Amino acid sequence: MKFCSKCGGQMEDHAAFCPNCGAPAGAASAGAASGQPGDSASRLLAEKKHSRITSAMVLNVLAFLLSLVACAVLFLTGVQHGEDPPDGSYTIEHDLLGEFLGYDTAKIVTPDEKMAEWAAKEAERRESNENLLKGLILWQSISLVAMVMGFFAARGAKKNKKGLVFLFMALWLLPAVALGVIFPQAIVLLFCGIGLILFVPAILGLIAGGKLLQAANIRE
């Protein structure tokens, strides 16, 4: 097997012309006799590897930026706002179903009871917001680590090493999982469509990892 000195394409040993560009095979034969592919072939492989790594890093940074946007969207849609405390008046509550069945369901709610119910709801709201904030901070921290790991993985891909690439891809899967564990309500957002933004950075990170794996498989 020999290589074309003009385009770097592979040629059969008995070929008189390159099947890719039609160049004469004379110069290619000299390269084959020395046992080395032409400089063009090596250059094309290097350019292909560089292109894969560059596009992977663009996707890596884009995934991080989208994770920032996702955090902002999830915070705005997931945070719960407080209610004003109840006034000091008494309230009469009725059970409509009971009244429909003929029962006297009138119940007087005292100001102390209304205040206790309001305080319980406020405590639940604060806990929910704290969990959301913790989940988003953890998510963004892991996303930052994943983005930085991407640059180390790119350096490894240049040397045809894949270990850091797999770690990089795994890191991009962790943020959404961590948020779902700390703030389970985020899973509910999936059913209204907006929760799908959780997986966009992870998908971009996996695509970037795939390109790095392709680059690591290219041997110049």
Protein backbone atom coordinates (compact mmCIF):
# COMPACT_ATOMS: atom_id res chain seq x y z
CA MET A 1 0.00 0.00 0.00
CA LYS A 2 1.31 3.45 -0.93
CA PHE A 3 0.10 7.01 -0.46
CA CYS A 4 -0.49 9.85 -2.88
CA SER A 5 1.92 12.74 -2.35
CA LYS A 6 -0.70 15.25 -3.46
CA CYS A 7 -3.84 14.35 -1.46
CA GLY A 8 -2.53 11.72 0.96
CA GLY A 9 -5.03 9.11 -0.19
CA GLN A 10 -4.23 5.43 -0.15
CA MET A 11 -3.31 3.72 -3.43
CA GLU A 12 -2.78 0.17 -4.51
CA ASP A 13 0.85 -0.73 -5.13
CA HIS A 14 0.20 -1.34 -8.85
CA ALA A 15 -1.91 1.84 -9.38
CA ALA A 16 -0.53 4.32 -11.91
CA PHE A 17 -2.77 7.18 -10.80
CA CYS A 18 -4.35 8.21 -7.51
CA PRO A 19 -8.03 7.14 -7.44
CA ASN A 20 -8.92 10.25 -5.40
CA CYS A 21 -7.24 13.13 -7.26
CA GLY A 22 -5.80 11.49 -10.39
CA ALA A 23 -2.20 12.50 -9.67
CA PRO A 24 0.55 10.26 -11.16
CA ALA A 25 1.81 7.54 -8.87
CA GLY A 26 5.52 8.26 -9.40
CA ALA A 27 5.98 10.42 -6.35
CA ALA A 28 3.83 8.11 -4.26
CA SER A 29 6.06 5.16 -5.12
CA ALA A 30 9.06 6.88 -3.65
CA GLY A 31 7.19 7.37 -0.39
CA ALA A 32 6.16 3.75 -0.35
CA ALA A 33 9.70 2.56 -0.96
CA SER A 34 10.92 4.37 2.14
CA GLY A 35 8.14 2.76 4.20
CA GLN A 36 6.66 6.16 5.23
CA PRO A 37 3.38 7.77 4.09
CA GLY A 38 3.60 11.10 2.40
CA ASP A 39 3.64 14.36 4.31
CA SER A 40 0.20 15.18 2.94
CA ALA A 41 -1.35 12.13 4.57
CA SER A 42 0.18 12.98 7.93
CA ARG A 43 -0.94 16.58 7.60
CA LEU A 44 -4.50 15.58 6.76
CA LEU A 45 -4.68 13.29 9.76
CA ALA A 46 -3.34 16.03 12.01
CA GLU A 47 -5.90 18.50 10.67
CA LYS A 48 -8.70 15.99 11.15
CA LYS A 49 -7.68 15.36 14.75
CA HIS A 50 -7.37 19.08 15.43
CA SER A 51 -10.82 19.68 13.94
CA ARG A 52 -12.39 17.02 16.16
CA ILE A 53 -10.77 18.39 19.30
CA THR A 54 -11.66 22.00 18.48
CA SER A 55 -15.32 21.20 17.85
CA ALA A 56 -15.41 19.14 21.06
CA MET A 57 -14.09 22.08 23.11
CA VAL A 58 -16.62 24.43 21.53
CA LEU A 59 -19.40 22.05 22.56
CA ASN A 60 -17.85 21.71 26.00
CA VAL A 61 -17.92 25.47 26.64
CA LEU A 62 -21.39 25.74 25.10
CA ALA A 63 -22.64 23.01 27.46
CA PHE A 64 -21.33 24.97 30.44
CA LEU A 65 -22.94 28.21 29.28
CA LEU A 66 -26.26 26.43 28.73
CA SER A 67 -25.99 24.94 32.22
CA LEU A 68 -25.87 28.51 33.56
CA VAL A 69 -29.01 29.36 31.60
CA ALA A 70 -30.67 26.16 32.81
CA CYS A 71 -29.86 27.05 36.43
CA ALA A 72 -31.43 30.47 36.02
CA VAL A 73 -34.56 29.02 34.39
CA LEU A 74 -34.97 26.31 37.01
CA PHE A 75 -34.49 28.80 39.83
CA LEU A 76 -37.11 31.18 38.43
CA THR A 77 -39.62 28.38 37.83
CA GLY A 78 -38.86 26.30 40.91
CA VAL A 79 -38.57 28.90 43.69
CA GLN A 80 -41.64 29.32 45.86
CA HIS A 81 -42.72 32.77 46.99
CA GLY A 82 -44.09 33.43 50.45
CA GLU A 83 -47.55 34.60 51.39
CA ASP A 84 -48.51 37.42 53.72
CA PRO A 85 -49.34 36.34 57.27
CA PRO A 86 -53.05 35.98 58.04
CA ASP A 87 -54.98 38.70 59.78
CA GLY A 88 -56.32 38.37 63.29
CA SER A 89 -59.91 37.63 62.33
CA TYR A 90 -61.90 34.46 62.77
CA THR A 91 -62.86 32.46 59.67
CA ILE A 92 -65.71 30.07 59.10
CA GLU A 93 -64.90 27.16 56.77
CA HIS A 94 -67.43 24.87 55.12
CA ASP A 95 -67.10 21.41 53.66
CA LEU A 96 -69.12 21.59 50.44
CA LEU A 97 -69.42 17.83 50.12
CA GLY A 98 -70.65 17.50 53.68
CA GLU A 99 -73.19 20.23 53.22
CA PHE A 100 -74.37 18.59 50.03
CA LEU A 101 -74.98 15.41 52.01
CA GLY A 102 -76.92 17.34 54.62
CA TYR A 103 -74.33 17.64 57.40
CA ASP A 104 -73.45 20.76 59.32
CA THR A 105 -69.75 21.16 58.47
CA ALA A 106 -69.19 24.74 59.55
CA LYS A 107 -65.89 25.14 61.34
CA ILE A 108 -64.55 28.24 63.04
CA VAL A 109 -60.84 28.77 62.46
CA THR A 110 -59.18 30.91 65.13
CA PRO A 111 -56.39 33.40 64.40
CA ASP A 112 -53.91 31.16 66.25
CA GLU A 113 -54.83 28.19 64.06
CA LYS A 114 -54.45 30.27 60.90
CA MET A 115 -51.08 31.54 62.08
CA ALA A 116 -49.87 28.00 62.87
CA GLU A 117 -50.92 26.79 59.41
CA TRP A 118 -49.19 29.75 57.77
CA ALA A 119 -45.98 29.13 59.75
CA ALA A 120 -45.96 25.45 58.71
CA LYS A 121 -46.35 26.39 55.05
CA GLU A 122 -43.60 29.00 55.33
CA ALA A 123 -41.22 26.47 56.89
CA GLU A 124 -41.96 24.00 54.07
CA ARG A 125 -41.46 26.73 51.47
CA ARG A 126 -38.10 27.81 52.93
CA GLU A 127 -36.89 24.21 53.06
CA SER A 128 -37.91 23.66 49.43
CA ASN A 129 -36.12 26.81 48.29
CA GLU A 130 -32.98 25.88 50.24
CA ASN A 131 -32.92 22.43 48.64
CA LEU A 132 -33.37 23.99 45.21
CA LEU A 133 -30.50 26.41 45.82
CA LYS A 134 -28.22 23.63 47.13
CA GLY A 135 -29.06 21.47 44.12
CA LEU A 136 -28.34 24.26 41.65
CA ILE A 137 -25.03 25.15 43.33
CA LEU A 138 -23.96 21.51 43.27
CA TRP A 139 -25.09 21.17 39.65
CA GLN A 140 -23.14 24.22 38.57
CA SER A 141 -20.05 23.16 40.53
CA ILE A 142 -20.00 19.75 38.84
CA SER A 143 -20.59 21.41 35.46
CA LEU A 144 -17.57 23.66 36.03
CA VAL A 145 -15.43 20.66 36.95
CA ALA A 146 -16.68 18.85 33.84
CA MET A 147 -15.79 21.78 31.59
CA VAL A 148 -12.26 22.03 33.03
CA MET A 149 -11.86 18.27 32.76
CA GLY A 150 -12.74 18.62 29.08
CA PHE A 151 -9.55 20.55 28.39
CA PHE A 152 -7.45 17.88 30.13
CA ALA A 153 -9.32 15.22 28.16
CA ALA A 154 -8.51 17.11 24.96
CA ARG A 155 -4.80 17.04 25.82
CA GLY A 156 -5.09 13.32 26.40
CA ALA A 157 -6.90 12.83 23.10
CA LYS A 158 -4.02 14.51 21.30
CA LYS A 159 -1.80 11.74 22.71
CA ASN A 160 -4.39 9.06 21.79
CA LYS A 161 -5.38 8.54 25.44
CA LYS A 162 -9.05 7.95 26.28
CA GLY A 163 -9.20 7.60 30.08
CA LEU A 164 -9.89 11.25 30.84
CA VAL A 165 -12.40 11.39 28.00
CA PHE A 166 -14.59 8.77 29.67
CA LEU A 167 -14.30 10.61 32.99
CA PHE A 168 -15.24 13.85 31.23
CA MET A 169 -18.37 12.25 29.76
CA ALA A 170 -19.37 10.78 33.13
CA LEU A 171 -19.02 14.17 34.82
CA TRP A 172 -21.48 15.73 32.39
CA LEU A 173 -24.08 13.15 33.39
CA LEU A 174 -23.80 13.89 37.11
CA PRO A 175 -25.30 17.42 37.44
CA ALA A 176 -28.87 16.49 36.50
CA VAL A 177 -28.71 13.38 38.69
CA ALA A 178 -27.43 15.36 41.68
CA LEU A 179 -30.15 17.99 41.28
CA GLY A 180 -32.84 15.31 41.05
CA VAL A 181 -31.61 13.71 44.30
CA ILE A 182 -31.42 16.95 46.31
CA PHE A 183 -34.48 18.61 44.76
CA PRO A 184 -36.91 15.89 43.59
CA GLN A 185 -39.42 18.51 42.46
CA ALA A 186 -37.14 19.13 39.48
CA ILE A 187 -38.26 15.78 38.08
CA VAL A 188 -41.85 17.07 38.05
CA LEU A 189 -40.72 19.84 35.68
CA LEU A 190 -40.00 17.17 33.09
CA PHE A 191 -43.71 16.64 32.60
CA CYS A 192 -44.26 20.28 31.68
CA GLY A 193 -41.44 20.28 29.15
CA ILE A 194 -39.21 22.89 30.77
CA GLY A 195 -37.36 20.20 32.69
CA LEU A 196 -35.88 18.96 29.42
CA ILE A 197 -33.36 21.78 29.72
CA LEU A 198 -31.75 19.68 32.44
CA PHE A 199 -30.43 17.26 29.85
CA VAL A 200 -29.26 19.68 27.14
CA PRO A 201 -25.82 20.34 28.73
CA ALA A 202 -25.37 16.61 29.36
CA ILE A 203 -26.21 15.77 25.74
CA LEU A 204 -23.75 18.37 24.44
CA GLY A 205 -21.10 17.05 26.83
CA LEU A 206 -21.60 13.51 25.56
CA ILE A 207 -21.35 14.67 21.95
CA ALA A 208 -18.13 16.50 22.81
CA GLY A 209 -16.81 13.34 24.45
CA GLY A 210 -17.65 11.35 21.33
CA LYS A 211 -15.62 13.75 19.21
CA LEU A 212 -12.68 13.45 21.60
CA LEU A 213 -12.86 9.68 21.31
CA GLN A 214 -12.78 10.00 17.53
CA ALA A 215 -9.74 12.26 17.82
CA ALA A 216 -8.00 9.80 20.14
CA ASN A 217 -8.49 7.06 17.55
CA ILE A 218 -6.69 9.08 14.85
CA ARG A 219 -3.01 8.18 14.84
CA GLU A 220 -0.86 10.57 12.90
